Amino acid sequence: RRAPTVQACRDGWEAAGNNPPYGPIMPPDVPSYTAVPVIPSSYEGSPSGPVAAVPYDPGTGSFVGSDGKTYTQPDLASGSPRKDSTWQTMMTGQQI
């Protein structure tokens, strides 16, 4: 028996019933929890195609586009002089 003090462990208290290790035993007339149908999720997946990853060369700034052509952006290459020095100027440069 577990108790907060040694004296409480030795007081002769007996448990009124058993405590099964896997929870209470269900009577046979109670339906199982697995019999409940699964509620479908509201998420139906991505309507677009999968996202693709392409090789990128940081030394030259070249990459292959989705059309199979090789593109080069030299201002992204490592060691090149960057016209965008902060993330704020990079974000404002993309506005149309």
Protein backbone atom coordinates (compact mmCIF):
# COMPACT_ATOMS: atom_id res chain seq x y z
CA ARG A 1 0.00 0.00 0.00
CA ARG A 2 1.14 3.54 -0.68
CA ALA A 3 0.46 6.23 1.88
CA PRO A 4 1.91 9.58 2.92
CA THR A 5 3.31 8.21 6.22
CA VAL A 6 4.66 4.91 7.54
CA GLN A 7 1.90 4.77 10.16
CA ALA A 8 -0.77 5.05 7.46
CA CYS A 9 0.81 2.08 5.66
CA ARG A 10 0.49 -0.05 8.81
CA ASP A 11 -3.06 0.87 9.84
CA GLY A 12 -4.62 -2.30 8.38
CA TRP A 13 -6.68 -0.62 5.66
CA GLU A 14 -7.88 -3.01 2.97
CA ALA A 15 -8.91 -2.03 -0.55
CA ALA A 16 -12.63 -2.36 -1.30
CA GLY A 17 -12.05 -3.80 -4.78
CA ASN A 18 -9.44 -4.38 -7.41
CA ASN A 19 -7.84 -1.89 -9.74
CA PRO A 20 -7.15 -3.55 -13.10
CA PRO A 21 -3.93 -2.31 -14.72
CA TYR A 22 -5.64 -1.57 -18.08
CA GLY A 23 -8.68 0.31 -16.83
CA PRO A 24 -12.16 -0.92 -15.94
CA ILE A 25 -13.44 -4.08 -17.56
CA MET A 26 -16.41 -3.24 -19.79
CA PRO A 27 -19.49 -5.45 -19.67
CA PRO A 28 -20.19 -7.32 -22.93
CA ASP A 29 -23.32 -5.29 -23.78
CA VAL A 30 -21.42 -1.97 -23.94
CA PRO A 31 -20.25 -1.16 -27.50
CA SER A 32 -16.55 -0.88 -28.11
CA TYR A 33 -14.95 2.51 -28.71
CA THR A 34 -13.57 1.23 -32.03
CA ALA A 35 -17.11 0.69 -33.37
CA VAL A 36 -17.65 4.46 -33.64
CA PRO A 37 -17.23 5.63 -37.26
CA VAL A 38 -14.38 8.02 -37.96
CA ILE A 39 -15.46 11.59 -38.66
CA PRO A 40 -13.85 12.79 -41.91
CA SER A 41 -11.42 15.65 -41.71
CA SER A 42 -12.30 19.03 -43.17
CA TYR A 43 -8.88 19.11 -44.83
CA GLU A 44 -9.05 17.55 -48.29
CA GLY A 45 -5.42 17.91 -49.26
CA SER A 46 -3.63 20.18 -51.64
CA PRO A 47 -5.58 21.01 -54.81
CA SER A 48 -2.37 21.89 -56.65
CA GLY A 49 0.50 19.65 -57.67
CA PRO A 50 3.40 18.69 -55.45
CA VAL A 51 6.15 21.13 -54.61
CA ALA A 52 9.43 20.44 -56.40
CA ALA A 53 12.98 21.13 -55.29
CA VAL A 54 15.71 22.03 -57.78
CA PRO A 55 19.48 22.16 -57.48
CA TYR A 56 20.87 25.63 -56.84
CA ASP A 57 24.51 26.66 -57.24
CA PRO A 58 25.28 29.36 -54.66
CA GLY A 59 28.63 30.08 -56.32
CA THR A 60 27.12 31.23 -59.61
CA GLY A 61 23.49 31.87 -58.66
CA SER A 62 22.21 29.49 -61.34
CA PHE A 63 19.23 27.17 -60.99
CA VAL A 64 16.91 25.12 -63.22
CA GLY A 65 13.37 26.43 -63.62
CA SER A 66 10.18 24.39 -63.87
CA ASP A 67 10.36 24.68 -67.67
CA GLY A 68 13.76 22.93 -67.74
CA LYS A 69 15.77 26.04 -68.63
CA THR A 70 18.78 27.19 -66.63
CA TYR A 71 18.45 30.61 -65.08
CA THR A 72 21.14 32.71 -63.44
CA GLN A 73 20.70 35.45 -60.90
CA PRO A 74 24.23 36.70 -60.26
CA ASP A 75 23.16 39.06 -57.48
CA LEU A 76 22.28 35.96 -55.40
CA ALA A 77 25.69 34.32 -55.84
CA SER A 78 27.99 34.21 -52.84
CA GLY A 79 30.72 36.82 -52.97
CA SER A 80 28.82 39.12 -55.32
CA PRO A 81 28.10 42.69 -54.28
CA ARG A 82 24.59 42.66 -52.83
CA LYS A 83 22.28 45.49 -53.70
CA ASP A 84 19.91 44.33 -50.95
CA SER A 85 21.64 44.46 -47.61
CA THR A 86 18.66 44.05 -45.29
CA TRP A 87 15.53 41.96 -45.38
CA GLN A 88 13.43 45.13 -45.53
CA THR A 89 15.02 46.27 -48.82
CA MET A 90 14.68 42.76 -50.24
CA MET A 91 10.95 42.71 -49.47
CA THR A 92 10.22 46.19 -50.82
CA GLY A 93 12.09 45.40 -54.04
CA GLN A 94 9.63 42.59 -54.84
CA GLN A 95 6.49 44.73 -54.78
CA ILE A 96 4.77 45.21 -58.13
